[in-house]
Amino acid sequence: MFSEASTMSIPDDNFKKQTDLPTGRSFNNYIHMKKLALSVFSIALLVGSSATVKAQSYRTALGVGIDVGDGPTLGGPQIKHFFDNQNAGNAQVLFGDNVTLIGVDYSYNQPIRGARGLSWYVGIGPQLTFLDNNSIWFDDKHRDNHTHVAIRPAVGLEFKIPSAPLAFHFDWKPWWNLTHNSSFEPSRFTLGFKFTLK
């Protein structure tokens, strides 16, 4: 009896079946997005904790925004308005191939100490995307007129030229679609070129 028991194999606690592990592009995108978001947010918090000067260097800015990354490229007018030194609202209407996008965002802004005109911001806002017939939007295969509702968080940098009424921004702005086969696309970014008003 004892000899038979001693020959039984002991399962390895570290063993895992391959099928139990998440795989695929969506899992890789999630991990990449999580690492990038944590890194950028941590830097923003460290910088923000040492900044004591006010963030606002203009009151309102008008310009052009470009939305790029995995999926379609969109472009159109945008406006940004500061409600106080740190809090601002942004609105944009962007156009693509049979696509019209309307979005608004709230952002919290802080300057970067020692870099005149440069500031960081974090924000979030809702977005409506209107598609014409035969338009394919990411993984959605609808072939009729329809509308997508999405949430767009954002983490980015803005530079206001101190000697000119011009500002530029670049941010990471992932796409969290809530309708028509809900999906998440982390590889989306926006660029902005604005004329600033006092």
N, C-alpha and C. Protein backbone atom coordinates (compact mmCIF):
# COMPACT_ATOMS: atom_id res chain seq x y z
N MET A 1 0.84 -1.20 0.00
CA MET A 1 0.00 0.00 0.00
C MET A 1 0.86 1.24 0.00
N PHE A 2 1.89 1.24 0.90
CA PHE A 2 2.73 2.43 0.98
C PHE A 2 3.55 2.63 -0.28
N SER A 3 3.95 1.53 -0.92
CA SER A 3 4.74 1.66 -2.15
C SER A 3 3.92 2.24 -3.27
N GLU A 4 2.63 1.88 -3.33
CA GLU A 4 1.78 2.45 -4.37
C GLU A 4 1.56 3.94 -4.15
N ALA A 5 1.38 4.36 -2.91
CA ALA A 5 1.14 5.78 -2.62
C ALA A 5 2.37 6.60 -2.94
N SER A 6 3.56 6.02 -2.69
CA SER A 6 4.78 6.78 -2.93
C SER A 6 5.05 7.00 -4.39
N THR A 7 4.45 6.18 -5.25
CA THR A 7 4.71 6.33 -6.68
C THR A 7 3.72 7.25 -7.36
N MET A 8 2.68 7.72 -6.62
CA MET A 8 1.70 8.63 -7.23
C MET A 8 2.35 9.97 -7.52
N SER A 9 2.00 10.56 -8.67
CA SER A 9 2.57 11.86 -9.04
C SER A 9 1.89 12.98 -8.28
N ILE A 10 2.65 13.98 -7.90
CA ILE A 10 2.12 15.13 -7.18
C ILE A 10 1.91 16.26 -8.17
N PRO A 11 0.68 16.80 -8.27
CA PRO A 11 0.44 17.88 -9.24
C PRO A 11 1.27 19.11 -8.95
N ASP A 12 1.72 19.73 -9.97
CA ASP A 12 2.53 20.95 -9.85
C ASP A 12 1.60 22.13 -9.63
N ASP A 13 1.75 22.86 -8.48
CA ASP A 13 0.90 24.01 -8.18
C ASP A 13 1.08 25.15 -9.16
N ASN A 14 2.25 25.20 -9.80
CA ASN A 14 2.53 26.29 -10.73
C ASN A 14 2.01 26.03 -12.13
N PHE A 15 1.45 24.83 -12.32
CA PHE A 15 0.99 24.47 -13.67
C PHE A 15 -0.34 25.14 -13.96
N LYS A 16 -0.47 25.70 -15.16
CA LYS A 16 -1.72 26.30 -15.62
C LYS A 16 -1.95 25.92 -17.05
N LYS A 17 -3.19 25.61 -17.36
CA LYS A 17 -3.52 25.32 -18.74
C LYS A 17 -3.47 26.59 -19.57
N GLN A 18 -2.99 26.45 -20.80
CA GLN A 18 -2.90 27.61 -21.69
C GLN A 18 -4.27 28.20 -21.96
N THR A 19 -5.27 27.33 -21.99
CA THR A 19 -6.62 27.82 -22.30
C THR A 19 -7.19 28.67 -21.19
N ASP A 20 -6.61 28.61 -19.97
CA ASP A 20 -7.11 29.42 -18.87
C ASP A 20 -6.60 30.84 -18.92
N LEU A 21 -5.59 31.11 -19.74
CA LEU A 21 -5.00 32.44 -19.81
C LEU A 21 -5.69 33.29 -20.86
N PRO A 22 -6.01 34.57 -20.55
CA PRO A 22 -6.61 35.45 -21.56
C PRO A 22 -5.63 35.67 -22.70
N THR A 23 -6.13 35.60 -23.91
CA THR A 23 -5.29 35.82 -25.09
C THR A 23 -5.99 36.76 -26.03
N GLY A 24 -5.28 37.13 -27.10
CA GLY A 24 -5.90 37.91 -28.15
C GLY A 24 -5.53 39.37 -28.11
N ARG A 25 -5.92 40.08 -29.17
CA ARG A 25 -5.56 41.49 -29.33
C ARG A 25 -6.23 42.37 -28.26
N SER A 26 -7.47 42.03 -27.87
CA SER A 26 -8.16 42.85 -26.88
C SER A 26 -7.46 42.81 -25.54
N PHE A 27 -6.95 41.64 -25.14
CA PHE A 27 -6.23 41.54 -23.87
C PHE A 27 -4.92 42.33 -23.93
N ASN A 28 -4.19 42.20 -25.05
CA ASN A 28 -2.93 42.95 -25.20
C ASN A 28 -3.17 44.45 -25.19
N ASN A 29 -4.25 44.90 -25.84
CA ASN A 29 -4.60 46.32 -25.83
C ASN A 29 -4.91 46.80 -24.42
N TYR A 30 -5.62 45.96 -23.65
CA TYR A 30 -5.97 46.32 -22.29
C TYR A 30 -4.73 46.49 -21.43
N ILE A 31 -3.80 45.54 -21.51
CA ILE A 31 -2.57 45.61 -20.72
C ILE A 31 -1.75 46.83 -21.12
N HIS A 32 -1.62 47.07 -22.43
CA HIS A 32 -0.85 48.22 -22.91
C HIS A 32 -1.49 49.52 -22.44
N MET A 33 -2.82 49.62 -22.55
CA MET A 33 -3.52 50.82 -22.13
C MET A 33 -3.36 51.06 -20.63
N LYS A 34 -3.46 49.99 -19.84
CA LYS A 34 -3.36 50.13 -18.40
C LYS A 34 -1.98 50.63 -17.98
N LYS A 35 -0.93 50.05 -18.57
CA LYS A 35 0.43 50.48 -18.23
C LYS A 35 0.67 51.93 -18.65
N LEU A 36 0.20 52.29 -19.86
CA LEU A 36 0.40 53.66 -20.34
C LEU A 36 -0.35 54.66 -19.48
N ALA A 37 -1.59 54.34 -19.13
CA ALA A 37 -2.40 55.24 -18.33
C ALA A 37 -1.79 55.46 -16.95
N LEU A 38 -1.34 54.37 -16.31
CA LEU A 38 -0.74 54.50 -14.99
C LEU A 38 0.55 55.32 -15.03
N SER A 39 1.35 55.12 -16.08
CA SER A 39 2.61 55.86 -16.20
C SER A 39 2.36 57.34 -16.39
N VAL A 40 1.47 57.68 -17.34
CA VAL A 40 1.20 59.09 -17.62
C VAL A 40 0.54 59.76 -16.43
N PHE A 41 -0.41 59.08 -15.80
CA PHE A 41 -1.11 59.67 -14.66
C PHE A 41 -0.17 59.89 -13.49
N SER A 42 0.76 58.95 -13.26
CA SER A 42 1.72 59.10 -12.17
C SER A 42 2.63 60.30 -12.39
N ILE A 43 3.09 60.46 -13.63
CA ILE A 43 3.93 61.62 -13.96
C ILE A 43 3.16 62.91 -13.76
N ALA A 44 1.90 62.91 -14.22
CA ALA A 44 1.07 64.11 -14.09
C ALA A 44 0.87 64.48 -12.63
N LEU A 45 0.64 63.50 -11.77
CA LEU A 45 0.46 63.79 -10.35
C LEU A 45 1.74 64.34 -9.71
N LEU A 46 2.88 63.77 -10.08
CA LEU A 46 4.15 64.25 -9.52
C LEU A 46 4.43 65.68 -9.95
N VAL A 47 4.20 65.95 -11.22
CA VAL A 47 4.43 67.30 -11.72
C VAL A 47 3.45 68.28 -11.09
N GLY A 48 2.19 67.85 -11.02
CA GLY A 48 1.16 68.73 -10.49
C GLY A 48 1.36 69.06 -9.03
N SER A 49 1.90 68.14 -8.26
CA SER A 49 2.09 68.38 -6.83
C SER A 49 3.15 69.44 -6.56
N SER A 50 4.04 69.68 -7.52
CA SER A 50 5.10 70.67 -7.32
C SER A 50 4.80 72.00 -8.01
N ALA A 51 3.68 72.07 -8.73
CA ALA A 51 3.34 73.30 -9.47
C ALA A 51 2.49 74.21 -8.61
N THR A 52 2.90 75.45 -8.48
CA THR A 52 2.16 76.39 -7.66
C THR A 52 1.68 77.60 -8.45
N VAL A 53 2.18 77.80 -9.66
CA VAL A 53 1.73 78.92 -10.47
C VAL A 53 0.43 78.55 -11.16
N LYS A 54 -0.35 79.54 -11.56
CA LYS A 54 -1.65 79.25 -12.14
C LYS A 54 -1.50 78.68 -13.53
N ALA A 55 -2.46 77.80 -13.91
CA ALA A 55 -2.37 77.09 -15.19
C ALA A 55 -2.82 77.94 -16.35
N GLN A 56 -3.82 78.77 -16.13
CA GLN A 56 -4.43 79.49 -17.24
C GLN A 56 -3.50 80.55 -17.81
N SER A 57 -3.25 80.50 -19.13
CA SER A 57 -2.49 81.54 -19.81
C SER A 57 -3.34 82.22 -20.88
N TYR A 58 -4.58 81.75 -21.04
CA TYR A 58 -5.55 82.39 -21.94
C TYR A 58 -6.94 82.04 -21.43
N ARG A 59 -7.93 82.71 -21.95
CA ARG A 59 -9.31 82.48 -21.52
C ARG A 59 -10.05 81.52 -22.47
N THR A 60 -9.96 81.82 -23.77
CA THR A 60 -10.65 81.03 -24.79
C THR A 60 -9.73 80.82 -25.99
N ALA A 61 -9.85 79.68 -26.63
CA ALA A 61 -9.04 79.40 -27.82
C ALA A 61 -9.93 78.72 -28.87
N LEU A 62 -9.73 79.11 -30.12
CA LEU A 62 -10.43 78.52 -31.26
C LEU A 62 -9.42 77.90 -32.20
N GLY A 63 -9.74 76.74 -32.78
CA GLY A 63 -8.77 76.13 -33.68
C GLY A 63 -9.29 74.89 -34.37
N VAL A 64 -8.35 74.00 -34.70
CA VAL A 64 -8.64 72.78 -35.45
C VAL A 64 -8.14 71.60 -34.65
N GLY A 65 -8.95 70.54 -34.59
CA GLY A 65 -8.57 69.31 -33.92
C GLY A 65 -8.48 68.15 -34.91
N ILE A 66 -7.56 67.23 -34.65
CA ILE A 66 -7.38 66.04 -35.49
C ILE A 66 -7.38 64.82 -34.58
N ASP A 67 -8.22 63.84 -34.89
CA ASP A 67 -8.36 62.62 -34.10
C ASP A 67 -7.81 61.45 -34.93
N VAL A 68 -6.73 60.82 -34.43
CA VAL A 68 -6.03 59.80 -35.22
C VAL A 68 -5.78 58.54 -34.39
N GLY A 69 -5.31 57.48 -35.06
CA GLY A 69 -4.97 56.23 -34.39
C GLY A 69 -5.58 55.06 -35.12
N ASP A 70 -5.76 53.93 -34.41
CA ASP A 70 -6.43 52.79 -34.99
C ASP A 70 -7.86 53.17 -35.34
N GLY A 71 -8.24 52.96 -36.60
CA GLY A 71 -9.56 53.39 -37.05
C GLY A 71 -9.45 54.61 -37.94
N PRO A 72 -10.58 55.30 -38.18
CA PRO A 72 -10.60 56.44 -39.10
C PRO A 72 -9.89 57.67 -38.55
N THR A 73 -9.44 58.54 -39.46
CA THR A 73 -8.88 59.84 -39.09
C THR A 73 -9.95 60.90 -39.28
N LEU A 74 -10.12 61.76 -38.26
CA LEU A 74 -11.16 62.78 -38.27
C LEU A 74 -10.53 64.14 -38.04
N GLY A 75 -11.18 65.19 -38.54
CA GLY A 75 -10.69 66.54 -38.32
C GLY A 75 -11.82 67.55 -38.37
N GLY A 76 -11.63 68.69 -37.67
CA GLY A 76 -12.65 69.72 -37.68
C GLY A 76 -12.39 70.80 -36.64
N PRO A 77 -13.32 71.74 -36.49
CA PRO A 77 -13.13 72.86 -35.56
C PRO A 77 -13.29 72.45 -34.11
N GLN A 78 -12.63 73.21 -33.23
CA GLN A 78 -12.74 72.98 -31.80
C GLN A 78 -12.63 74.29 -31.04
N ILE A 79 -13.14 74.31 -29.82
CA ILE A 79 -13.05 75.48 -28.95
C ILE A 79 -12.73 75.01 -27.54
N LYS A 80 -11.87 75.76 -26.84
CA LYS A 80 -11.55 75.48 -25.45
C LYS A 80 -11.75 76.75 -24.64
N HIS A 81 -12.41 76.61 -23.49
CA HIS A 81 -12.70 77.78 -22.65
C HIS A 81 -12.39 77.45 -21.19
N PHE A 82 -11.63 78.33 -20.53
CA PHE A 82 -11.31 78.16 -19.12
C PHE A 82 -12.39 78.82 -18.26
N PHE A 83 -12.93 78.06 -17.30
CA PHE A 83 -13.89 78.60 -16.35
C PHE A 83 -13.20 79.27 -15.17
N ASP A 84 -12.01 78.79 -14.84
CA ASP A 84 -11.14 79.41 -13.84
C ASP A 84 -9.71 79.02 -14.19
N ASN A 85 -8.79 79.10 -13.23
CA ASN A 85 -7.38 78.87 -13.55
C ASN A 85 -7.05 77.43 -13.94
N GLN A 86 -7.81 76.46 -13.46
CA GLN A 86 -7.49 75.06 -13.74
C GLN A 86 -8.55 74.31 -14.54
N ASN A 87 -9.80 74.71 -14.44
CA ASN A 87 -10.91 73.94 -15.02
C ASN A 87 -11.35 74.53 -16.36
N ALA A 88 -11.45 73.65 -17.36
CA ALA A 88 -11.79 74.11 -18.71
C ALA A 88 -12.76 73.15 -19.38
N GLY A 89 -13.47 73.66 -20.36
CA GLY A 89 -14.33 72.85 -21.20
C GLY A 89 -13.86 72.91 -22.64
N ASN A 90 -14.02 71.81 -23.35
CA ASN A 90 -13.59 71.74 -24.75
C ASN A 90 -14.73 71.13 -25.57
N ALA A 91 -14.98 71.68 -26.75
CA ALA A 91 -16.00 71.14 -27.64
C ALA A 91 -15.43 71.04 -29.04
N GLN A 92 -15.84 70.01 -29.78
CA GLN A 92 -15.34 69.81 -31.13
C GLN A 92 -16.40 69.16 -32.01
N VAL A 93 -16.33 69.49 -33.29
CA VAL A 93 -17.13 68.84 -34.31
C VAL A 93 -16.15 68.35 -35.37
N LEU A 94 -16.03 67.02 -35.52
CA LEU A 94 -15.03 66.44 -36.40
C LEU A 94 -15.71 65.66 -37.52
N PHE A 95 -15.04 65.61 -38.67
CA PHE A 95 -15.61 64.96 -39.85
C PHE A 95 -14.62 63.95 -40.42
N GLY A 96 -15.17 62.87 -40.98
CA GLY A 96 -14.39 61.86 -41.67
C GLY A 96 -15.16 61.34 -42.86
N ASP A 97 -14.83 60.15 -43.30
CA ASP A 97 -15.49 59.52 -44.45
C ASP A 97 -16.88 59.03 -44.03
N ASN A 98 -17.92 59.81 -44.38
CA ASN A 98 -19.31 59.50 -44.01
C ASN A 98 -19.51 59.45 -42.50
N VAL A 99 -18.72 60.23 -41.76
CA VAL A 99 -18.78 60.25 -40.30
C VAL A 99 -18.80 61.69 -39.80
N THR A 100 -19.67 61.97 -38.83
CA THR A 100 -19.68 63.26 -38.14
C THR A 100 -19.65 62.99 -36.64
N LEU A 101 -18.75 63.65 -35.94
CA LEU A 101 -18.54 63.43 -34.51
C LEU A 101 -18.75 64.74 -33.76
N ILE A 102 -19.51 64.69 -32.68
CA ILE A 102 -19.72 65.84 -31.81
C ILE A 102 -19.31 65.42 -30.40
N GLY A 103 -18.41 66.16 -29.79
CA GLY A 103 -17.95 65.80 -28.46
C GLY A 103 -17.70 67.00 -27.57
N VAL A 104 -17.86 66.83 -26.28
CA VAL A 104 -17.52 67.85 -25.28
C VAL A 104 -16.69 67.17 -24.20
N ASP A 105 -15.78 67.93 -23.61
CA ASP A 105 -14.88 67.39 -22.59
C ASP A 105 -14.72 68.38 -21.45
N TYR A 106 -14.52 67.85 -20.27
CA TYR A 106 -14.03 68.63 -19.13
C TYR A 106 -12.57 68.28 -18.94
N SER A 107 -11.73 69.28 -18.61
CA SER A 107 -10.32 69.00 -18.33
C SER A 107 -9.83 69.79 -17.13
N TYR A 108 -8.95 69.15 -16.36
CA TYR A 108 -8.25 69.80 -15.26
C TYR A 108 -6.82 70.06 -15.71
N ASN A 109 -6.38 71.32 -15.65
CA ASN A 109 -5.11 71.75 -16.23
C ASN A 109 -4.16 72.27 -15.16
N GLN A 110 -2.86 71.93 -15.32
CA GLN A 110 -1.82 72.43 -14.42
C GLN A 110 -0.55 72.71 -15.21
N PRO A 111 0.17 73.81 -14.88
CA PRO A 111 1.43 74.10 -15.58
C PRO A 111 2.54 73.17 -15.12
N ILE A 112 3.55 73.05 -15.97
CA ILE A 112 4.75 72.29 -15.62
C ILE A 112 5.83 73.29 -15.20
N ARG A 113 6.26 73.15 -13.96
CA ARG A 113 7.23 74.11 -13.41
C ARG A 113 8.53 74.10 -14.22
N GLY A 114 9.02 75.27 -14.52
CA GLY A 114 10.28 75.41 -15.24
C GLY A 114 10.14 75.30 -16.75
N ALA A 115 8.92 75.08 -17.25
CA ALA A 115 8.69 74.99 -18.70
C ALA A 115 7.60 76.00 -19.06
N ARG A 116 8.03 77.20 -19.34
CA ARG A 116 7.08 78.29 -19.59
C ARG A 116 6.16 77.98 -20.76
N GLY A 117 4.87 78.09 -20.54
CA GLY A 117 3.88 77.85 -21.58
C GLY A 117 3.42 76.41 -21.70
N LEU A 118 4.11 75.47 -21.01
CA LEU A 118 3.76 74.06 -21.12
C LEU A 118 2.94 73.62 -19.91
N SER A 119 1.86 72.91 -20.16
CA SER A 119 1.00 72.42 -19.09
C SER A 119 0.51 71.00 -19.41
N TRP A 120 0.07 70.30 -18.37
CA TRP A 120 -0.52 68.97 -18.55
C TRP A 120 -2.00 69.05 -18.19
N TYR A 121 -2.76 68.09 -18.66
CA TYR A 121 -4.18 68.06 -18.31
C TYR A 121 -4.70 66.63 -18.33
N VAL A 122 -5.76 66.42 -17.58
CA VAL A 122 -6.53 65.17 -17.62
C VAL A 122 -7.99 65.56 -17.79
N GLY A 123 -8.74 64.74 -18.50
CA GLY A 123 -10.13 65.08 -18.74
C GLY A 123 -10.96 63.89 -19.16
N ILE A 124 -12.25 64.15 -19.35
CA ILE A 124 -13.18 63.11 -19.80
C ILE A 124 -14.43 63.78 -20.35
N GLY A 125 -15.10 63.10 -21.27
CA GLY A 125 -16.32 63.67 -21.82
C GLY A 125 -17.06 62.72 -22.73
N PRO A 126 -18.34 62.98 -22.97
CA PRO A 126 -19.16 62.15 -23.85
C PRO A 126 -18.97 62.54 -25.32
N GLN A 127 -19.38 61.63 -26.20
CA GLN A 127 -19.22 61.86 -27.63
C GLN A 127 -20.32 61.14 -28.40
N LEU A 128 -20.84 61.81 -29.42
CA LEU A 128 -21.80 61.21 -30.34
C LEU A 128 -21.18 61.12 -31.72
N THR A 129 -21.30 59.96 -32.34
CA THR A 129 -20.77 59.74 -33.68
C THR A 129 -21.91 59.32 -34.60
N PHE A 130 -22.13 60.09 -35.67
CA PHE A 130 -23.20 59.82 -36.62
C PHE A 130 -22.61 59.23 -37.90
N LEU A 131 -23.12 58.07 -38.32
CA LEU A 131 -22.60 57.40 -39.50
C LEU A 131 -23.66 57.31 -40.58
N ASP A 132 -23.22 57.53 -41.84
CA ASP A 132 -24.10 57.40 -43.00
C ASP A 132 -24.15 55.95 -43.45
N ASN A 133 -24.97 55.68 -44.45
CA ASN A 133 -25.11 54.33 -45.00
C ASN A 133 -23.76 53.77 -45.42
N ASN A 134 -23.58 52.46 -45.21
CA ASN A 134 -22.40 51.70 -45.65
C ASN A 134 -21.10 52.11 -44.95
N SER A 135 -21.21 52.83 -43.84
CA SER A 135 -20.01 53.18 -43.07
C SER A 135 -19.73 52.10 -42.04
N ILE A 136 -18.47 51.72 -41.91
CA ILE A 136 -18.06 50.74 -40.91
C ILE A 136 -17.25 51.47 -39.83
N TRP A 137 -17.68 51.34 -38.59
CA TRP A 137 -17.05 52.05 -37.48
C TRP A 137 -16.39 51.04 -36.56
N PHE A 138 -15.06 50.93 -36.63
CA PHE A 138 -14.31 49.94 -35.88
C PHE A 138 -14.88 48.55 -36.15
N ASP A 139 -15.38 47.84 -35.11
CA ASP A 139 -15.87 46.48 -35.30
C ASP A 139 -17.36 46.42 -35.60
N ASP A 140 -18.02 47.56 -35.68
CA ASP A 140 -19.46 47.58 -35.93
C ASP A 140 -19.72 47.35 -37.41
N LYS A 141 -20.61 46.43 -37.76
CA LYS A 141 -20.88 46.08 -39.15
C LYS A 141 -22.24 46.58 -39.64
N HIS A 142 -22.85 47.52 -38.93
CA HIS A 142 -24.14 48.04 -39.38
C HIS A 142 -23.98 48.70 -40.75
N ARG A 143 -25.01 48.57 -41.57
CA ARG A 143 -24.95 49.13 -42.91
C ARG A 143 -26.06 50.16 -43.15
N ASP A 144 -26.53 50.78 -42.08
CA ASP A 144 -27.55 51.81 -42.21
C ASP A 144 -27.13 53.02 -41.38
N ASN A 145 -27.90 54.10 -41.48
CA ASN A 145 -27.61 55.28 -40.67
C ASN A 145 -27.78 54.91 -39.19
N HIS A 146 -26.80 55.22 -38.38
CA HIS A 146 -26.91 54.95 -36.96
C HIS A 146 -25.96 55.84 -36.18
N THR A 147 -26.11 55.82 -34.86
CA THR A 147 -25.35 56.72 -33.98
C THR A 147 -24.65 55.91 -32.89
N HIS A 148 -23.41 56.29 -32.60
CA HIS A 148 -22.65 55.67 -31.52
C HIS A 148 -22.52 56.66 -30.37
N VAL A 149 -22.61 56.15 -29.15
CA VAL A 149 -22.38 56.94 -27.95
C VAL A 149 -21.11 56.42 -27.29
N ALA A 150 -20.19 57.33 -26.96
CA ALA A 150 -18.90 56.91 -26.39
C ALA A 150 -18.48 57.83 -25.26
N ILE A 151 -17.57 57.33 -24.43
CA ILE A 151 -16.90 58.12 -23.41
C ILE A 151 -15.43 58.20 -23.78
N ARG A 152 -14.85 59.42 -23.70
CA ARG A 152 -13.45 59.61 -24.09
C ARG A 152 -12.65 60.22 -22.94
N PRO A 153 -11.91 59.44 -22.17
CA PRO A 153 -10.96 60.03 -21.23
C PRO A 153 -9.76 60.58 -21.99
N ALA A 154 -9.02 61.50 -21.37
CA ALA A 154 -7.87 62.10 -22.05
C ALA A 154 -6.78 62.46 -21.06
N VAL A 155 -5.53 62.25 -21.47
CA VAL A 155 -4.35 62.68 -20.72
C VAL A 155 -3.40 63.30 -21.73
N GLY A 156 -3.00 64.56 -21.51
CA GLY A 156 -2.18 65.19 -22.55
C GLY A 156 -1.36 66.39 -22.08
N LEU A 157 -0.70 66.98 -23.06
CA LEU A 157 0.13 68.17 -22.87
C LEU A 157 -0.36 69.28 -23.80
N GLU A 158 -0.27 70.52 -23.31
CA GLU A 158 -0.58 71.68 -24.14
C GLU A 158 0.54 72.71 -24.02
N PHE A 159 0.90 73.29 -25.16
CA PHE A 159 1.92 74.32 -25.16
C PHE A 159 1.36 75.61 -25.74
N LYS A 160 1.39 76.67 -24.92
CA LYS A 160 0.99 78.01 -25.36
C LYS A 160 2.25 78.82 -25.61
N ILE A 161 2.45 79.26 -26.85
CA ILE A 161 3.63 80.07 -27.17
C ILE A 161 3.55 81.38 -26.39
N PRO A 162 4.51 81.65 -25.51
CA PRO A 162 4.41 82.85 -24.65
C PRO A 162 4.33 84.16 -25.43
N SER A 163 5.01 84.23 -26.56
CA SER A 163 5.09 85.49 -27.30
C SER A 163 4.10 85.58 -28.46
N ALA A 164 3.20 84.61 -28.58
CA ALA A 164 2.24 84.61 -29.68
C ALA A 164 0.92 84.01 -29.23
N PRO A 165 -0.19 84.41 -29.85
CA PRO A 165 -1.51 83.89 -29.46
C PRO A 165 -1.80 82.52 -30.08
N LEU A 166 -0.89 81.58 -29.89
CA LEU A 166 -1.03 80.25 -30.47
C LEU A 166 -0.80 79.18 -29.40
N ALA A 167 -1.56 78.10 -29.51
CA ALA A 167 -1.39 76.98 -28.58
C ALA A 167 -1.55 75.67 -29.34
N PHE A 168 -0.87 74.63 -28.85
CA PHE A 168 -0.91 73.31 -29.47
C PHE A 168 -1.12 72.27 -28.37
N HIS A 169 -1.80 71.20 -28.71
CA HIS A 169 -1.94 70.14 -27.72
C HIS A 169 -1.78 68.78 -28.38
N PHE A 170 -1.39 67.81 -27.55
CA PHE A 170 -1.33 66.41 -27.97
C PHE A 170 -1.79 65.57 -26.79
N ASP A 171 -2.71 64.64 -27.02
CA ASP A 171 -3.15 63.80 -25.92
C ASP A 171 -3.45 62.38 -26.36
N TRP A 172 -3.45 61.51 -25.35
CA TRP A 172 -3.93 60.14 -25.53
C TRP A 172 -5.40 60.14 -25.14
N LYS A 173 -6.25 59.72 -26.07
CA LYS A 173 -7.70 59.84 -25.87
C LYS A 173 -8.39 58.55 -26.34
N PRO A 174 -8.35 57.50 -25.52
CA PRO A 174 -8.96 56.22 -25.93
C PRO A 174 -10.46 56.34 -26.15
N TRP A 175 -10.98 55.37 -26.88
CA TRP A 175 -12.36 55.38 -27.33
C TRP A 175 -13.11 54.24 -26.65
N TRP A 176 -14.06 54.58 -25.76
CA TRP A 176 -14.88 53.58 -25.10
C TRP A 176 -16.29 53.68 -25.64
N ASN A 177 -16.60 52.83 -26.62
CA ASN A 177 -17.90 52.84 -27.26
C ASN A 177 -18.91 52.09 -26.39
N LEU A 178 -20.06 52.72 -26.12
CA LEU A 178 -21.07 52.14 -25.24
C LEU A 178 -22.22 51.47 -25.99
N THR A 179 -22.29 51.65 -27.30
CA THR A 179 -23.43 51.15 -28.07
C THR A 179 -22.97 50.33 -29.26
N HIS A 180 -23.89 49.56 -29.86
CA HIS A 180 -23.61 48.77 -31.07
C HIS A 180 -22.35 47.91 -30.89
N ASN A 181 -22.45 46.87 -30.14
CA ASN A 181 -21.31 46.00 -29.85
C ASN A 181 -20.24 46.77 -29.08
N SER A 182 -20.55 47.11 -27.86
CA SER A 182 -19.67 47.92 -27.01
C SER A 182 -18.22 47.44 -27.12
N SER A 183 -17.30 48.40 -27.27
CA SER A 183 -15.89 48.06 -27.47
C SER A 183 -15.01 49.15 -26.90
N PHE A 184 -13.73 48.83 -26.77
CA PHE A 184 -12.76 49.80 -26.26
C PHE A 184 -11.55 49.81 -27.19
N GLU A 185 -11.18 51.01 -27.66
CA GLU A 185 -10.03 51.17 -28.53
C GLU A 185 -9.02 52.09 -27.85
N PRO A 186 -7.91 51.54 -27.32
CA PRO A 186 -6.95 52.38 -26.59
C PRO A 186 -6.04 53.22 -27.48
N SER A 187 -5.85 52.81 -28.73
CA SER A 187 -4.86 53.48 -29.59
C SER A 187 -5.48 54.63 -30.37
N ARG A 188 -5.95 55.66 -29.63
CA ARG A 188 -6.49 56.86 -30.25
C ARG A 188 -5.82 58.08 -29.61
N PHE A 189 -5.52 59.09 -30.45
CA PHE A 189 -4.82 60.30 -30.01
C PHE A 189 -5.43 61.51 -30.72
N THR A 190 -5.31 62.68 -30.10
CA THR A 190 -5.76 63.90 -30.77
C THR A 190 -4.65 64.95 -30.76
N LEU A 191 -4.65 65.75 -31.82
CA LEU A 191 -3.76 66.89 -31.97
C LEU A 191 -4.63 68.14 -32.12
N GLY A 192 -4.16 69.26 -31.60
CA GLY A 192 -4.91 70.49 -31.72
C GLY A 192 -4.04 71.69 -31.98
N PHE A 193 -4.52 72.59 -32.83
CA PHE A 193 -3.83 73.84 -33.16
C PHE A 193 -4.84 74.97 -32.94
N LYS A 194 -4.54 75.88 -32.00
CA LYS A 194 -5.52 76.86 -31.59
C LYS A 194 -4.98 78.28 -31.61
N PHE A 195 -5.88 79.23 -31.90
CA PHE A 195 -5.60 80.66 -31.77
C PHE A 195 -6.22 81.12 -30.47
N THR A 196 -5.41 81.68 -29.58
CA THR A 196 -5.89 82.01 -28.23
C THR A 196 -6.42 83.44 -28.14
N LEU A 197 -7.48 83.58 -27.33
CA LEU A 197 -8.10 84.87 -27.08
C LEU A 197 -8.04 85.16 -25.60
N LYS A 198 -7.89 86.40 -25.23
CA LYS A 198 -7.88 86.77 -23.81
C LYS A 198 -9.29 86.88 -23.26
